[in-house]
Protein backbone atom coordinates (compact mmCIF):
# COMPACT_ATOMS: atom_id res chain seq x y z
CA MET A 1 22.90 8.62 -9.37
CA GLN A 2 21.70 8.65 -12.87
CA PRO A 3 18.54 6.14 -13.17
CA LEU A 4 18.39 3.31 -15.38
CA ASN A 5 16.11 5.11 -18.39
CA HIS A 6 15.39 2.93 -21.03
CA THR A 7 13.05 0.04 -21.54
CA SER A 8 15.96 -1.84 -23.67
CA LEU A 9 17.43 -2.45 -20.50
CA TYR A 10 14.92 -4.30 -19.22
CA ALA A 11 13.55 -8.12 -20.11
CA SER A 12 9.88 -7.78 -21.41
CA THR A 13 8.33 -9.97 -18.30
CA SER A 14 5.13 -10.52 -17.15
CA ILE A 15 3.94 -11.76 -13.29
CA ALA A 16 2.89 -15.24 -13.42
CA GLY A 17 2.24 -15.90 -9.82
CA TRP A 18 2.33 -13.92 -6.89
CA SER A 19 1.11 -14.47 -3.07
CA ALA A 20 1.31 -12.60 0.62
CA PHE A 21 2.47 -14.40 3.67
CA LEU A 22 1.70 -13.23 7.27
CA PRO A 23 2.42 -14.95 10.64
CA PRO A 24 -0.62 -15.76 12.25
CA ASN A 25 0.05 -14.32 15.53
CA VAL A 26 -1.89 -10.78 15.43
CA LEU A 27 -0.88 -7.74 17.93
CA THR A 28 -3.42 -4.89 18.23
CA ASN A 29 -3.49 -1.96 19.55
CA THR A 30 -5.42 -2.52 22.58
CA GLU A 31 -2.81 -5.45 23.31
CA LEU A 32 -0.35 -2.77 23.07
CA GLU A 33 -2.27 -0.37 25.44
CA LYS A 34 -1.21 -2.79 28.64
CA ARG A 35 2.54 -2.56 28.12
CA LEU A 36 3.18 0.75 26.28
CA ASP A 37 2.44 4.37 27.32
CA THR A 38 -0.23 4.57 24.28
CA ASN A 39 -3.57 3.69 23.21
CA ASP A 40 -5.49 2.81 19.90
CA GLU A 41 -6.63 6.19 18.93
CA TRP A 42 -3.15 7.57 19.76
CA ILE A 43 -1.40 4.75 17.19
CA ARG A 44 -4.67 5.28 14.60
CA GLU A 45 -4.35 8.77 14.16
CA ARG A 46 -0.73 9.16 13.86
CA THR A 47 -0.09 5.95 11.76
CA GLY A 48 -3.21 4.37 10.59
CA ILE A 49 -2.29 1.00 11.94
CA ARG A 50 -4.70 -0.98 13.94
CA GLU A 51 -3.01 -4.25 13.87
CA ARG A 52 0.17 -6.16 13.12
CA ARG A 53 1.72 -9.78 12.45
CA VAL A 54 4.86 -10.65 14.59
CA GLY A 55 6.53 -13.77 15.52
CA GLY A 56 7.83 -14.40 12.12
CA LYS A 57 11.37 -15.59 10.82
CA THR A 58 12.67 -14.41 7.10
CA SER A 59 13.14 -17.61 5.45
CA ASP A 60 10.31 -19.66 6.70
CA MET A 61 8.03 -16.43 5.43
CA ALA A 62 9.78 -15.89 2.27
CA VAL A 63 9.29 -19.68 1.64
CA GLU A 64 5.40 -19.73 2.34
CA ALA A 65 4.82 -16.79 -0.17
CA GLY A 66 7.33 -18.33 -2.43
CA ARG A 67 5.40 -21.71 -2.95
CA ARG A 68 2.04 -20.25 -2.89
CA ALA A 69 3.20 -17.77 -5.72
CA ILE A 70 4.50 -20.96 -7.57
CA THR A 71 1.71 -23.16 -7.21
CA LEU A 72 -0.63 -20.22 -8.90
CA ALA A 73 1.90 -19.37 -11.72
CA GLY A 74 1.39 -23.79 -12.36
CA ILE A 75 5.09 -23.81 -12.63
CA GLU A 76 8.05 -26.29 -11.21
CA PRO A 77 10.50 -24.87 -9.43
CA SER A 78 13.44 -26.14 -11.09
CA LYS A 79 11.92 -24.07 -13.93
CA ILE A 80 12.85 -20.85 -11.88
CA ASN A 81 16.48 -19.79 -12.68
CA MET A 82 16.63 -16.91 -10.16
CA LEU A 83 16.03 -15.96 -7.01
CA VAL A 84 16.06 -12.21 -5.51
CA LEU A 85 15.66 -11.52 -1.79
CA ALA A 86 14.74 -8.50 -0.65
CA THR A 87 15.66 -8.28 3.38
CA THR A 88 16.95 -6.36 6.03
CA THR A 89 16.36 -9.37 8.78
CA PRO A 90 18.54 -12.24 7.40
CA ASP A 91 18.22 -15.36 9.30
CA HIS A 92 22.18 -15.32 9.69
CA ILE A 93 25.41 -13.14 9.15
CA MET A 94 26.14 -15.59 6.48
CA PRO A 95 24.92 -17.15 4.16
CA SER A 96 22.60 -15.31 2.17
CA THR A 97 18.88 -15.99 3.75
CA ALA A 98 18.17 -16.21 -0.42
CA SER A 99 20.35 -19.60 -0.20
CA ILE A 100 18.00 -21.15 2.04
CA VAL A 101 14.86 -20.04 0.65
CA HIS A 102 16.24 -21.56 -2.52
CA HIS A 103 17.14 -24.85 -1.36
CA ARG A 104 13.98 -25.05 0.25
CA LEU A 105 11.80 -24.21 -2.95
CA GLY A 106 14.04 -26.42 -5.00
CA LEU A 107 14.78 -23.55 -7.34
CA SER A 108 17.72 -23.83 -10.09
CA GLY A 109 20.31 -20.92 -11.14
CA ALA A 110 21.58 -18.15 -8.36
CA SER A 111 20.26 -16.48 -5.77
CA PHE A 112 20.80 -13.45 -3.43
CA ASP A 113 20.06 -11.28 -1.07
CA ILE A 114 19.13 -7.30 -1.42
CA ASN A 115 19.23 -5.10 1.84
CA ALA A 116 17.87 -1.76 1.17
CA VAL A 117 15.57 -2.22 3.92
CA CYS A 118 11.69 -0.55 2.85
CA ALA A 119 12.89 0.17 -0.69
CA GLY A 120 14.67 -3.37 -1.00
CA PHE A 121 11.55 -5.12 -3.16
CA VAL A 122 11.58 -2.15 -5.49
CA HIS A 123 15.10 -2.73 -6.20
CA ALA A 124 14.86 -6.18 -6.63
CA TYR A 125 12.44 -6.11 -9.19
CA ILE A 126 14.16 -3.64 -11.19
CA VAL A 127 17.70 -5.63 -10.79
CA THR A 128 16.04 -8.96 -11.48
CA ASN A 129 14.41 -7.42 -14.83
CA SER A 130 17.77 -6.07 -16.24
CA MET A 131 19.51 -9.41 -15.18
CA MET A 132 16.48 -11.46 -16.99
CA SER A 133 17.35 -8.75 -19.94
CA THR A 134 21.42 -9.61 -19.89
CA MET A 135 21.83 -13.08 -18.38
CA GLY A 136 19.17 -15.58 -20.49
CA ILE A 137 16.85 -15.81 -17.42
CA ASP A 138 13.93 -16.76 -18.46
CA THR A 139 11.95 -17.42 -15.14
CA ALA A 140 12.76 -15.82 -11.91
CA ILE A 141 10.88 -14.93 -8.24
CA VAL A 142 11.00 -11.84 -6.63
CA ILE A 143 10.86 -11.79 -2.70
CA GLY A 144 10.56 -9.37 0.31
CA SER A 145 10.56 -10.93 3.75
CA ASP A 146 11.10 -9.17 6.88
CA CYS A 147 10.28 -9.61 10.74
CA LEU A 148 11.55 -6.29 12.12
CA SER A 149 9.12 -6.87 15.13
CA SER A 150 12.14 -8.28 16.15
CA LEU A 151 14.52 -5.54 16.36
CA THR A 152 11.91 -3.17 18.33
CA GLY A 153 12.27 -2.27 22.29
CA ASN A 154 9.73 -3.79 23.87
CA ASP A 155 9.21 -0.33 25.64
CA ASP A 156 10.01 1.70 22.93
CA ARG A 157 6.36 3.28 21.74
CA THR A 158 7.98 5.22 18.49
CA THR A 159 9.01 1.67 16.73
CA THR A 160 7.02 -0.78 18.31
CA ILE A 161 3.53 0.44 17.05
CA LEU A 162 5.03 0.34 13.70
CA PHE A 163 6.52 -2.79 12.75
CA GLY A 164 5.58 -5.92 11.70
CA ASP A 165 6.48 -8.93 9.82
CA GLY A 166 5.45 -10.55 6.49
CA ALA A 167 6.50 -11.63 3.16
CA GLY A 168 5.35 -11.17 -0.42
CA ALA A 169 6.28 -12.53 -3.80
CA VAL A 170 5.86 -12.58 -7.61
CA ILE A 171 7.24 -14.76 -10.33
CA LEU A 172 8.13 -13.25 -13.48
CA ASN A 173 8.14 -14.65 -16.82
CA LYS A 174 10.51 -13.48 -19.67
CA VAL A 175 8.04 -13.20 -22.76
CA THR A 176 8.17 -11.92 -26.35
CA LYS A 177 5.08 -9.93 -27.24
CA LYS A 178 4.49 -6.44 -30.08
CA THR A 179 3.46 -4.43 -26.89
CA TYR A 180 5.72 -3.97 -24.50
CA SER A 181 4.96 -5.68 -20.78
CA GLY A 182 7.40 -4.84 -17.76
CA ILE A 183 9.56 -2.30 -16.93
CA LEU A 184 8.32 0.98 -18.65
CA GLY A 185 10.66 3.48 -16.11
CA ALA A 186 12.68 3.36 -13.15
CA ASP A 187 14.45 5.42 -10.83
CA MET A 188 17.09 4.22 -7.84
CA GLY A 189 19.00 6.48 -5.30
CA THR A 190 20.50 6.66 -2.23
CA ASP A 191 21.30 10.11 0.44
CA GLY A 192 23.72 8.36 2.52
CA SER A 193 24.05 11.55 5.17
CA GLY A 194 20.81 10.32 6.63
CA TYR A 195 21.91 7.14 7.53
CA ASP A 196 21.97 7.62 11.29
CA LEU A 197 18.04 9.18 10.92
CA LEU A 198 16.96 5.26 11.18
CA PHE A 199 19.30 2.36 11.72
CA CYS A 200 19.69 -0.87 13.76
CA PRO A 201 23.18 -1.70 15.06
CA HIS A 202 24.43 -5.54 15.63
CA GLN A 203 22.33 -7.21 18.38
CA GLY A 204 20.64 -3.74 18.85
CA THR A 205 17.13 -2.30 18.23
CA ILE A 206 16.00 0.17 15.98
CA GLU A 207 16.39 3.58 16.64
CA MET A 208 14.62 6.36 14.66
CA ASP A 209 14.22 10.10 14.13
CA GLY A 210 10.60 9.43 13.25
CA GLN A 211 9.87 13.58 12.14
CA GLU A 212 12.76 13.75 10.04
CA VAL A 213 12.40 10.18 8.44
CA PHE A 214 8.91 11.45 7.83
CA ARG A 215 9.75 14.74 5.94
CA ARG A 216 12.20 12.50 4.10
CA ALA A 217 10.50 9.84 3.37
CA VAL A 218 7.35 12.16 1.74
CA ARG A 219 9.96 14.55 -0.55
CA ALA A 220 12.26 11.53 -1.46
CA THR A 221 9.15 9.31 -2.49
CA VAL A 222 7.26 12.24 -4.33
CA ALA A 223 10.49 12.74 -6.33
CA SER A 224 11.49 9.08 -7.34
CA ALA A 225 8.04 8.40 -8.35
CA THR A 226 7.71 11.35 -10.31
CA ARG A 227 11.03 10.61 -12.31
CA ALA A 228 10.11 7.27 -13.12
CA LEU A 229 6.72 8.33 -14.38
CA GLU A 230 8.81 10.78 -16.81
CA LEU A 231 11.07 8.10 -17.90
CA ALA A 232 7.91 5.98 -18.65
CA GLY A 233 6.43 9.08 -20.34
CA MET A 234 3.55 8.93 -18.17
CA LYS A 235 1.73 11.21 -15.74
CA ALA A 236 0.28 10.27 -12.50
CA GLY A 237 -3.31 10.34 -13.84
CA ASP A 238 -2.28 7.51 -16.49
CA ILE A 239 -1.44 4.90 -13.73
CA SER A 240 -3.92 2.25 -13.15
CA LEU A 241 -2.95 1.66 -9.35
CA PHE A 242 -0.46 3.11 -7.09
CA ILE A 243 1.43 0.81 -4.47
CA PRO A 244 3.54 2.70 -2.14
CA HIS A 245 5.60 1.24 0.99
CA GLN A 246 3.15 1.00 3.69
CA ALA A 247 5.63 3.16 6.19
CA ASN A 248 2.73 4.99 7.74
CA TYR A 249 -0.67 6.26 6.55
CA ARG A 250 -0.20 9.87 6.75
CA ILE A 251 3.16 9.69 4.74
CA ILE A 252 0.79 7.75 1.66
CA GLN A 253 -1.72 10.57 2.26
CA ALA A 254 1.11 13.34 1.77
CA VAL A 255 2.36 11.65 -1.27
CA CYS A 256 -1.09 11.00 -2.73
CA GLU A 257 -1.86 14.58 -2.51
CA ARG A 258 1.78 15.88 -3.69
CA MET A 259 1.49 13.60 -6.34
CA GLY A 260 -2.26 13.86 -7.39
CA ILE A 261 -2.98 10.51 -7.00
CA ALA A 262 -6.54 9.55 -6.06
CA GLU A 263 -6.65 7.38 -2.59
CA ASP A 264 -9.15 5.11 -4.50
CA HIS A 265 -6.01 4.70 -7.21
CA THR A 266 -3.95 3.60 -4.21
CA ALA A 267 -3.32 0.29 -2.37
CA ILE A 268 -3.13 0.74 1.10
CA THR A 269 -2.53 -2.35 3.61
CA ILE A 270 -0.97 -0.81 6.39
CA GLU A 271 -4.11 -0.95 8.78
CA THR A 272 -3.69 -4.78 8.97
CA THR A 273 0.01 -5.31 8.35
CA GLY A 274 2.04 -2.60 9.81
CA ASN A 275 4.67 -1.31 8.51
CA THR A 276 6.60 -4.95 7.20
CA SER A 277 9.66 -2.74 5.30
CA ALA A 278 10.70 -5.05 2.02
CA ALA A 279 7.28 -7.07 2.22
CA SER A 280 5.07 -4.03 2.15
CA ILE A 281 4.78 -3.28 -1.57
CA PRO A 282 4.77 -7.36 -2.62
CA ILE A 283 2.08 -7.90 0.14
CA ALA A 284 0.16 -5.10 -1.26
CA LEU A 285 0.49 -5.86 -4.81
CA SER A 286 -0.56 -9.08 -3.90
CA VAL A 287 -3.98 -8.07 -2.41
CA ALA A 288 -4.57 -6.05 -5.08
CA LEU A 289 -4.45 -8.86 -7.85
CA ASP A 290 -5.95 -11.19 -5.52
CA GLU A 291 -9.32 -8.51 -5.42
CA GLY A 292 -8.92 -7.64 -8.94
CA ARG A 293 -8.02 -4.05 -8.59
CA VAL A 294 -5.38 -4.47 -11.66
CA THR A 295 -5.01 -6.81 -14.88
CA THR A 296 -3.59 -7.51 -17.92
CA GLY A 297 -2.86 -4.27 -19.51
CA ASP A 298 -2.94 -2.32 -16.63
CA THR A 299 -0.09 -0.21 -15.48
CA ILE A 300 1.16 0.05 -11.82
CA LEU A 301 3.47 2.77 -10.14
CA MET A 302 5.36 0.95 -7.00
CA SER A 303 7.69 3.30 -4.37
CA GLY A 304 9.78 2.43 -1.63
CA PHE A 305 11.50 4.50 0.85
CA GLY A 306 13.65 3.18 3.37
CA ALA A 307 16.82 3.44 5.93
CA GLY A 308 20.10 4.26 4.00
CA MET A 309 18.09 6.65 2.99
CA SER A 310 17.70 4.89 0.09
CA TRP A 311 14.29 5.22 -2.78
CA SER A 312 13.42 3.41 -5.67
CA SER A 313 10.09 3.77 -7.81
CA VAL A 314 9.34 1.46 -10.83
CA VAL A 315 6.38 1.68 -13.67
CA VAL A 316 5.47 -1.54 -14.49
CA ARG A 317 2.89 -2.50 -17.40
CA LEU A 318 1.25 -5.51 -16.46
């Protein structure tokens, strides 16, 4: 797929509000030791995860993250013209979970779901910016929300140790500036031949070829992130902060090493969240903004890779 590669395709936008939400129920590695053939040291060494949050519902988490972001932005919900919700764990087969969230938040305009699994938020971010450029949308909210803990088998060590629940939201305002803010370069792609490496059938649990997913995740993330940077006319060293999907700490390490990105220029939250799929990047972004790691004028690189196999990367000037 030839990626969109010109900033004129996207609106000049600012992030007006953001938030992350994690359900209160904490599941630690020590608790998993009681029912799985594993231990805290084994899990940390292979994944970097110490604990994860479980027990969330996609719409509830999305609403909570959305409300917090709206409050921070200081805007009326009815002024938000579009909601794009990235999720692979919808409340129902139909209607879209976005319609539920849209109603509960009191938004206006349209709403829809995007399912690109762990690449979903970046997909949604790119699509939303493009639609803001072409459809006269002034304010939009992009949310990633997933409860993958509900899709893991209770006795499956491979998946149970990895996945957690959570949501993250950002509000985008269309702005007119002499200096461009918003998307500088974007890349999206899919290799459907690997669809069966990570999947979940209806009424089933997640099945995963962990080693092959690891290999493909590193290769695809590096290639996609590099392509987005090239389209932005930038190099890895120009980025203020790299925000990768939080799938596995070793994957993040491998990607950073290959791209020459220092860990102190990388947002890493996986230790306390686990893999929250489409929520992981907006959660990490929200934490970075709350901590003041990035601010107006900085440039960030967000990269996601997930089942499908799908990937996307975007370079954004704040």
